[in-house]
């Protein structure tokens, strides 16, 4: 299932997930805009991981003076997904 999330407070503008609905595992992750190399690295690392594990690792990470970050936005998006599906 494709799931899209509009980010807030970060350089990236959207996160697109391909999620296995039965296992709640990430098949693919794309982040639009933001720090290209870092986000490609995060994408590669989360592929094959369960949503709950990703949230526990990324939630609360900040970027500079911001109270959020692209990794934190990924966690927020996945929490929203779990609340809606």
PDB file of N, CA and C in Angstrom:
ATOM      1  N   UNK A   1       0.836  -1.171   0.000  1.00  0.00           N
ATOM      2  CA  UNK A   1       0.000   0.000   0.000  1.00  0.00           C
ATOM      3  C   UNK A   1       0.886   1.242   0.000  1.00  0.00           C
ATOM      4  N   UNK A   2       0.548   2.191  -0.841  1.00  0.00           N
ATOM      5  CA  UNK A   2       1.276   3.462  -0.830  1.00  0.00           C
ATOM      6  C   UNK A   2       0.622   4.399   0.179  1.00  0.00           C
ATOM      7  N   UNK A   3       1.451   5.015   1.009  1.00  0.00           N
ATOM      8  CA  UNK A   3       0.981   5.977   2.003  1.00  0.00           C
ATOM      9  C   UNK A   3       1.816   7.236   1.867  1.00  0.00           C
ATOM     10  N   UNK A   4       1.157   8.390   1.795  1.00  0.00           N
ATOM     11  CA  UNK A   4       1.838   9.676   1.627  1.00  0.00           C
ATOM     12  C   UNK A   4       1.606  10.551   2.848  1.00  0.00           C
ATOM     13  N   UNK A   5       2.659  11.294   3.201  1.00  0.00           N
ATOM     14  CA  UNK A   5       2.603  12.171   4.371  1.00  0.00           C
ATOM     15  C   UNK A   5       3.268  13.489   4.026  1.00  0.00           C
ATOM     16  N   UNK A   6       2.556  14.594   4.260  1.00  0.00           N
ATOM     17  CA  UNK A   6       3.111  15.934   4.069  1.00  0.00           C
ATOM     18  C   UNK A   6       3.833  16.323   5.351  1.00  0.00           C
ATOM     19  N   UNK A   7       5.112  16.667   5.217  1.00  0.00           N
ATOM     20  CA  UNK A   7       5.925  16.982   6.386  1.00  0.00           C
ATOM     21  C   UNK A   7       5.679  18.400   6.885  1.00  0.00           C
ATOM     22  N   UNK A   8       6.120  18.664   8.108  1.00  0.00           N
ATOM     23  CA  UNK A   8       6.001  19.980   8.733  1.00  0.00           C
ATOM     24  C   UNK A   8       7.293  20.334   9.444  1.00  0.00           C
ATOM     25  N   UNK A   9       7.795  21.550   9.223  1.00  0.00           N
ATOM     26  CA  UNK A   9       8.935  22.054   9.984  1.00  0.00           C
ATOM     27  C   UNK A   9      10.291  21.541   9.541  1.00  0.00           C
ATOM     28  N   UNK A  10      10.375  20.922   8.363  1.00  0.00           N
ATOM     29  CA  UNK A  10      11.647  20.402   7.858  1.00  0.00           C
ATOM     30  C   UNK A  10      11.816  20.763   6.384  1.00  0.00           C
ATOM     31  N   UNK A  11      13.000  20.520   5.850  1.00  0.00           N
ATOM     32  CA  UNK A  11      13.286  20.830   4.442  1.00  0.00           C
ATOM     33  C   UNK A  11      12.546  19.907   3.482  1.00  0.00           C
ATOM     34  N   UNK A  12      12.368  18.659   3.863  1.00  0.00           N
ATOM     35  CA  UNK A  12      11.627  17.746   2.989  1.00  0.00           C
ATOM     36  C   UNK A  12      10.151  18.163   2.982  1.00  0.00           C
ATOM     37  N   UNK A  13       9.449  17.814   1.910  1.00  0.00           N
ATOM     38  CA  UNK A  13       8.060  18.246   1.772  1.00  0.00           C
ATOM     39  C   UNK A  13       7.052  17.096   1.815  1.00  0.00           C
ATOM     40  N   UNK A  14       7.506  15.892   1.483  1.00  0.00           N
ATOM     41  CA  UNK A  14       6.600  14.748   1.474  1.00  0.00           C
ATOM     42  C   UNK A  14       7.384  13.464   1.660  1.00  0.00           C
ATOM     43  N   UNK A  15       6.741  12.501   2.325  1.00  0.00           N
ATOM     44  CA  UNK A  15       7.316  11.173   2.512  1.00  0.00           C
ATOM     45  C   UNK A  15       6.337  10.177   1.897  1.00  0.00           C
ATOM     46  N   UNK A  16       6.865   9.275   1.074  1.00  0.00           N
ATOM     47  CA  UNK A  16       6.033   8.277   0.409  1.00  0.00           C
ATOM     48  C   UNK A  16       6.516   6.889   0.838  1.00  0.00           C
ATOM     49  N   UNK A  17       5.613   6.127   1.413  1.00  0.00           N
ATOM     50  CA  UNK A  17       5.922   4.787   1.898  1.00  0.00           C
ATOM     51  C   UNK A  17       5.240   3.744   1.035  1.00  0.00           C
ATOM     52  N   UNK A  18       5.888   2.620   0.859  1.00  0.00           N
ATOM     53  CA  UNK A  18       5.239   1.412   0.358  1.00  0.00           C
ATOM     54  C   UNK A  18       5.249   0.454   1.540  1.00  0.00           C
ATOM     55  N   UNK A  19       4.062   0.167   2.061  1.00  0.00           N
ATOM     56  CA  UNK A  19       3.929  -0.608   3.291  1.00  0.00           C
ATOM     57  C   UNK A  19       3.199  -1.914   3.009  1.00  0.00           C
ATOM     58  N   UNK A  20       3.748  -3.005   3.526  1.00  0.00           N
ATOM     59  CA  UNK A  20       3.041  -4.287   3.479  1.00  0.00           C
ATOM     60  C   UNK A  20       1.979  -4.236   4.574  1.00  0.00           C
ATOM     61  N   UNK A  21       0.721  -4.201   4.181  1.00  0.00           N
ATOM     62  CA  UNK A  21      -0.374  -4.028   5.135  1.00  0.00           C
ATOM     63  C   UNK A  21      -0.504  -5.169   6.130  1.00  0.00           C
ATOM     64  N   UNK A  22      -0.167  -6.372   5.724  1.00  0.00           N
ATOM     65  CA  UNK A  22      -0.301  -7.532   6.616  1.00  0.00           C
ATOM     66  C   UNK A  22       0.783  -7.562   7.680  1.00  0.00           C
ATOM     67  N   UNK A  23       2.043  -7.350   7.252  1.00  0.00           N
ATOM     68  CA  UNK A  23       3.164  -7.480   8.184  1.00  0.00           C
ATOM     69  C   UNK A  23       3.578  -6.160   8.817  1.00  0.00           C
ATOM     70  N   UNK A  24       3.075  -5.028   8.281  1.00  0.00           N
ATOM     71  CA  UNK A  24       3.466  -3.689   8.734  1.00  0.00           C
ATOM     72  C   UNK A  24       4.976  -3.475   8.586  1.00  0.00           C
ATOM     73  N   UNK A  25       5.498  -3.942   7.452  1.00  0.00           N
ATOM     74  CA  UNK A  25       6.917  -3.791   7.110  1.00  0.00           C
ATOM     75  C   UNK A  25       7.033  -2.790   5.961  1.00  0.00           C
ATOM     76  N   UNK A  26       8.074  -1.980   5.992  1.00  0.00           N
ATOM     77  CA  UNK A  26       8.321  -0.997   4.938  1.00  0.00           C
ATOM     78  C   UNK A  26       9.023  -1.688   3.773  1.00  0.00           C
ATOM     79  N   UNK A  27       8.384  -1.634   2.607  1.00  0.00           N
ATOM     80  CA  UNK A  27       9.002  -2.159   1.386  1.00  0.00           C
ATOM     81  C   UNK A  27       9.863  -1.112   0.702  1.00  0.00           C
ATOM     82  N   UNK A  28       9.444   0.157   0.787  1.00  0.00           N
ATOM     83  CA  UNK A  28      10.191   1.247   0.152  1.00  0.00           C
ATOM     84  C   UNK A  28       9.820   2.553   0.830  1.00  0.00           C
ATOM     85  N   UNK A  29      10.750   3.503   0.803  1.00  0.00           N
ATOM     86  CA  UNK A  29      10.550   4.821   1.383  1.00  0.00           C
ATOM     87  C   UNK A  29      11.211   5.832   0.471  1.00  0.00           C
ATOM     88  N   UNK A  30      10.466   6.872   0.100  1.00  0.00           N
ATOM     89  CA  UNK A  30      11.008   7.979  -0.685  1.00  0.00           C
ATOM     90  C   UNK A  30      10.688   9.264   0.039  1.00  0.00           C
ATOM     91  N   UNK A  31      11.689  10.150   0.119  1.00  0.00           N
ATOM     92  CA  UNK A  31      11.489  11.449   0.736  1.00  0.00           C
ATOM     93  C   UNK A  31      11.712  12.501  -0.342  1.00  0.00           C
ATOM     94  N   UNK A  32      10.743  13.395  -0.486  1.00  0.00           N
ATOM     95  CA  UNK A  32      10.819  14.447  -1.490  1.00  0.00           C
ATOM     96  C   UNK A  32      11.488  15.667  -0.873  1.00  0.00           C
ATOM     97  N   UNK A  33      12.529  16.152  -1.547  1.00  0.00           N
ATOM     98  CA  UNK A  33      13.368  17.272  -1.095  1.00  0.00           C
ATOM     99  C   UNK A  33      14.150  16.876   0.155  1.00  0.00           C
ATOM    100  N   UNK A  34      14.763  17.792   0.829  1.00  0.00           N
ATOM    101  CA  UNK A  34      15.575  17.479   1.998  1.00  0.00           C
ATOM    102  C   UNK A  34      16.996  17.120   1.619  1.00  0.00           C
ATOM    103  N   UNK A  35      17.753  16.611   2.549  1.00  0.00           N
ATOM    104  CA  UNK A  35      19.163  16.250   2.364  1.00  0.00           C
ATOM    105  C   UNK A  35      19.248  14.900   1.644  1.00  0.00           C
ATOM    106  N   UNK A  36      19.460  14.955   0.377  1.00  0.00           N
ATOM    107  CA  UNK A  36      19.351  13.791  -0.504  1.00  0.00           C
ATOM    108  C   UNK A  36      20.136  12.577  -0.019  1.00  0.00           C
ATOM    109  N   UNK A  37      21.408  12.728   0.230  1.00  0.00           N
ATOM    110  CA  UNK A  37      22.227  11.580   0.627  1.00  0.00           C
ATOM    111  C   UNK A  37      21.796  10.977   1.946  1.00  0.00           C
ATOM    112  N   UNK A  38      21.553  11.814   2.942  1.00  0.00           N
ATOM    113  CA  UNK A  38      21.126  11.312   4.248  1.00  0.00           C
ATOM    114  C   UNK A  38      19.796  10.580   4.151  1.00  0.00           C
ATOM    115  N   UNK A  39      18.874  11.143   3.379  1.00  0.00           N
ATOM    116  CA  UNK A  39      17.554  10.527   3.279  1.00  0.00           C
ATOM    117  C   UNK A  39      17.585   9.244   2.463  1.00  0.00           C
ATOM    118  N   UNK A  40      18.469   9.158   1.477  1.00  0.00           N
ATOM    119  CA  UNK A  40      18.641   7.886   0.764  1.00  0.00           C
ATOM    120  C   UNK A  40      19.188   6.832   1.713  1.00  0.00           C
ATOM    121  N   UNK A  41      20.091   7.241   2.591  1.00  0.00           N
ATOM    122  CA  UNK A  41      20.646   6.309   3.575  1.00  0.00           C
ATOM    123  C   UNK A  41      19.592   5.813   4.543  1.00  0.00           C
ATOM    124  N   UNK A  42      18.776   6.726   5.058  1.00  0.00           N
ATOM    125  CA  UNK A  42      17.702   6.330   5.965  1.00  0.00           C
ATOM    126  C   UNK A  42      16.735   5.389   5.251  1.00  0.00           C
ATOM    127  N   UNK A  43      16.407   5.722   4.012  1.00  0.00           N
ATOM    128  CA  UNK A  43      15.507   4.877   3.227  1.00  0.00           C
ATOM    129  C   UNK A  43      16.050   3.459   3.103  1.00  0.00           C
ATOM    130  N   UNK A  44      17.324   3.343   2.799  1.00  0.00           N
ATOM    131  CA  UNK A  44      17.938   2.017   2.662  1.00  0.00           C
ATOM    132  C   UNK A  44      17.908   1.253   3.988  1.00  0.00           C
ATOM    133  N   UNK A  45      18.101   1.961   5.087  1.00  0.00           N
ATOM    134  CA  UNK A  45      18.143   1.309   6.393  1.00  0.00           C
ATOM    135  C   UNK A  45      16.772   0.820   6.862  1.00  0.00           C
ATOM    136  N   UNK A  46      15.703   1.551   6.520  1.00  0.00           N
ATOM    137  CA  UNK A  46      14.392   1.162   7.037  1.00  0.00           C
ATOM    138  C   UNK A  46      13.681   0.116   6.182  1.00  0.00           C
ATOM    139  N   UNK A  47      14.151  -0.105   4.978  1.00  0.00           N
ATOM    140  CA  UNK A  47      13.519  -1.124   4.136  1.00  0.00           C
ATOM    141  C   UNK A  47      13.604  -2.483   4.824  1.00  0.00           C
ATOM    142  N   UNK A  48      12.468  -3.153   4.904  1.00  0.00           N
ATOM    143  CA  UNK A  48      12.422  -4.457   5.552  1.00  0.00           C
ATOM    144  C   UNK A  48      12.177  -4.403   7.045  1.00  0.00           C
ATOM    145  N   UNK A  49      12.098  -3.201   7.602  1.00  0.00           N
ATOM    146  CA  UNK A  49      11.867  -3.062   9.046  1.00  0.00           C
ATOM    147  C   UNK A  49      10.382  -2.930   9.347  1.00  0.00           C
ATOM    148  N   UNK A  50       9.999  -3.380  10.544  1.00  0.00           N
ATOM    149  CA  UNK A  50       8.635  -3.205  11.020  1.00  0.00           C
ATOM    150  C   UNK A  50       8.429  -1.751  11.444  1.00  0.00           C
ATOM    151  N   UNK A  51       7.230  -1.264  11.227  1.00  0.00           N
ATOM    152  CA  UNK A  51       6.899   0.122  11.526  1.00  0.00           C
ATOM    153  C   UNK A  51       7.218   0.489  12.974  1.00  0.00           C
ATOM    154  N   UNK A  52       6.839  -0.352  13.912  1.00  0.00           N
ATOM    155  CA  UNK A  52       7.069  -0.057  15.334  1.00  0.00           C
ATOM    156  C   UNK A  52       8.547   0.112  15.648  1.00  0.00           C
ATOM    157  N   UNK A  53       9.404  -0.685  15.011  1.00  0.00           N
ATOM    158  CA  UNK A  53      10.846  -0.586  15.240  1.00  0.00           C
ATOM    159  C   UNK A  53      11.399   0.730  14.696  1.00  0.00           C
ATOM    160  N   UNK A  54      10.898   1.147  13.538  1.00  0.00           N
ATOM    161  CA  UNK A  54      11.340   2.410  12.948  1.00  0.00           C
ATOM    162  C   UNK A  54      10.946   3.572  13.847  1.00  0.00           C
ATOM    163  N   UNK A  55       9.719   3.569  14.311  1.00  0.00           N
ATOM    164  CA  UNK A  55       9.244   4.645  15.180  1.00  0.00           C
ATOM    165  C   UNK A  55      10.114   4.741  16.418  1.00  0.00           C
ATOM    166  N   UNK A  56      10.414   3.615  17.043  1.00  0.00           N
ATOM    167  CA  UNK A  56      11.196   3.640  18.285  1.00  0.00           C
ATOM    168  C   UNK A  56      12.611   4.170  18.069  1.00  0.00           C
ATOM    169  N   UNK A  57      13.163   3.995  16.878  1.00  0.00           N
ATOM    170  CA  UNK A  57      14.519   4.473  16.593  1.00  0.00           C
ATOM    171  C   UNK A  57      14.562   5.939  16.153  1.00  0.00           C
ATOM    172  N   UNK A  58      13.522   6.417  15.463  1.00  0.00           N
ATOM    173  CA  UNK A  58      13.585   7.749  14.853  1.00  0.00           C
ATOM    174  C   UNK A  58      12.808   8.832  15.598  1.00  0.00           C
ATOM    175  N   UNK A  59      11.833   8.445  16.381  1.00  0.00           N
ATOM    176  CA  UNK A  59      10.990   9.428  17.055  1.00  0.00           C
ATOM    177  C   UNK A  59      11.801  10.309  18.005  1.00  0.00           C
ATOM    178  N   UNK A  60      11.582  11.617  17.907  1.00  0.00           N
ATOM    179  CA  UNK A  60      12.219  12.558  18.828  1.00  0.00           C
ATOM    180  C   UNK A  60      13.551  13.120  18.367  1.00  0.00           C
ATOM    181  N   UNK A  61      14.079  12.654  17.255  1.00  0.00           N
ATOM    182  CA  UNK A  61      15.336  13.203  16.736  1.00  0.00           C
ATOM    183  C   UNK A  61      15.072  14.622  16.241  1.00  0.00           C
ATOM    184  N   UNK A  62      15.954  15.545  16.610  1.00  0.00           N
ATOM    185  CA  UNK A  62      15.809  16.938  16.191  1.00  0.00           C
ATOM    186  C   UNK A  62      16.892  17.298  15.180  1.00  0.00           C
ATOM    187  N   UNK A  63      16.690  18.438  14.510  1.00  0.00           N
ATOM    188  CA  UNK A  63      17.643  18.933  13.509  1.00  0.00           C
ATOM    189  C   UNK A  63      17.961  20.387  13.845  1.00  0.00           C
ATOM    190  N   UNK A  64      19.196  20.634  14.295  1.00  0.00           N
ATOM    191  CA  UNK A  64      19.590  21.997  14.647  1.00  0.00           C
ATOM    192  C   UNK A  64      18.660  22.582  15.690  1.00  0.00           C
ATOM    193  N   UNK A  65      18.149  23.769  15.434  1.00  0.00           N
ATOM    194  CA  UNK A  65      17.265  24.464  16.373  1.00  0.00           C
ATOM    195  C   UNK A  65      15.817  24.009  16.286  1.00  0.00           C
ATOM    196  N   UNK A  66      15.507  23.177  15.310  1.00  0.00           N
ATOM    197  CA  UNK A  66      14.131  22.711  15.126  1.00  0.00           C
ATOM    198  C   UNK A  66      13.785  21.649  16.157  1.00  0.00           C
ATOM    199  N   UNK A  67      12.504  21.560  16.502  1.00  0.00           N
ATOM    200  CA  UNK A  67      12.090  20.523  17.452  1.00  0.00           C
ATOM    201  C   UNK A  67      11.676  19.233  16.750  1.00  0.00           C
ATOM    202  N   UNK A  68      11.990  19.112  15.461  1.00  0.00           N
ATOM    203  CA  UNK A  68      11.719  17.916  14.674  1.00  0.00           C
ATOM    204  C   UNK A  68      12.849  17.736  13.664  1.00  0.00           C
ATOM    205  N   UNK A  69      12.758  16.714  12.850  1.00  0.00           N
ATOM    206  CA  UNK A  69      13.760  16.427  11.812  1.00  0.00           C
ATOM    207  C   UNK A  69      13.089  15.532  10.780  1.00  0.00           C
ATOM    208  N   UNK A  70      13.764  15.270   9.688  1.00  0.00           N
ATOM    209  CA  UNK A  70      13.202  14.334   8.708  1.00  0.00           C
ATOM    210  C   UNK A  70      13.008  12.944   9.319  1.00  0.00           C
ATOM    211  N   UNK A  71      13.974  12.412  10.090  1.00  0.00           N
ATOM    212  CA  UNK A  71      13.725  11.116  10.727  1.00  0.00           C
ATOM    213  C   UNK A  71      12.525  11.162  11.683  1.00  0.00           C
ATOM    214  N   UNK A  72      12.389  12.240  12.443  1.00  0.00           N
ATOM    215  CA  UNK A  72      11.248  12.384  13.342  1.00  0.00           C
ATOM    216  C   UNK A  72       9.946  12.459  12.555  1.00  0.00           C
ATOM    217  N   UNK A  73       9.962  13.138  11.407  1.00  0.00           N
ATOM    218  CA  UNK A  73       8.776  13.214  10.560  1.00  0.00           C
ATOM    219  C   UNK A  73       8.406  11.839   9.996  1.00  0.00           C
ATOM    220  N   UNK A  74       9.402  11.018   9.700  1.00  0.00           N
ATOM    221  CA  UNK A  74       9.138   9.638   9.265  1.00  0.00           C
ATOM    222  C   UNK A  74       8.403   8.892  10.376  1.00  0.00           C
ATOM    223  N   UNK A  75       8.886   9.038  11.605  1.00  0.00           N
ATOM    224  CA  UNK A  75       8.228   8.390  12.745  1.00  0.00           C
ATOM    225  C   UNK A  75       6.804   8.907  12.915  1.00  0.00           C
ATOM    226  N   UNK A  76       6.611  10.217  12.794  1.00  0.00           N
ATOM    227  CA  UNK A  76       5.275  10.794  12.934  1.00  0.00           C
ATOM    228  C   UNK A  76       4.334  10.277  11.841  1.00  0.00           C
ATOM    229  N   UNK A  77       4.850  10.177  10.627  1.00  0.00           N
ATOM    230  CA  UNK A  77       4.047   9.672   9.515  1.00  0.00           C
ATOM    231  C   UNK A  77       3.619   8.231   9.775  1.00  0.00           C
ATOM    232  N   UNK A  78       4.541   7.425  10.268  1.00  0.00           N
ATOM    233  CA  UNK A  78       4.225   6.020  10.528  1.00  0.00           C
ATOM    234  C   UNK A  78       3.235   5.873  11.683  1.00  0.00           C
ATOM    235  N   UNK A  79       3.339   6.728  12.690  1.00  0.00           N
ATOM    236  CA  UNK A  79       2.361   6.717  13.774  1.00  0.00           C
ATOM    237  C   UNK A  79       0.978   7.077  13.237  1.00  0.00           C
ATOM    238  N   UNK A  80       0.929   8.077  12.358  1.00  0.00           N
ATOM    239  CA  UNK A  80      -0.339   8.457  11.747  1.00  0.00           C
ATOM    240  C   UNK A  80      -0.917   7.291  10.950  1.00  0.00           C
ATOM    241  N   UNK A  81      -0.064   6.609  10.194  1.00  0.00           N
ATOM    242  CA  UNK A  81      -0.510   5.437   9.435  1.00  0.00           C
ATOM    243  C   UNK A  81      -1.122   4.396  10.364  1.00  0.00           C
ATOM    244  N   UNK A  82      -0.430   4.070  11.447  1.00  0.00           N
ATOM    245  CA  UNK A  82      -0.931   3.060  12.363  1.00  0.00           C
ATOM    246  C   UNK A  82      -2.271   3.462  12.988  1.00  0.00           C
ATOM    247  N   UNK A  83      -2.445   4.750  13.246  1.00  0.00           N
ATOM    248  CA  UNK A  83      -3.696   5.235  13.826  1.00  0.00           C
ATOM    249  C   UNK A  83      -4.861   5.183  12.845  1.00  0.00           C
ATOM    250  N   UNK A  84      -4.555   5.207  11.552  1.00  0.00           N
ATOM    251  CA  UNK A  84      -5.602   5.252  10.537  1.00  0.00           C
ATOM    252  C   UNK A  84      -5.869   3.907   9.864  1.00  0.00           C
ATOM    253  N   UNK A  85      -4.978   2.934   9.994  1.00  0.00           N
ATOM    254  CA  UNK A  85      -5.152   1.664   9.281  1.00  0.00           C
ATOM    255  C   UNK A  85      -5.021   0.494  10.204  1.00  0.00           C
TER     256      UNK A  85
END
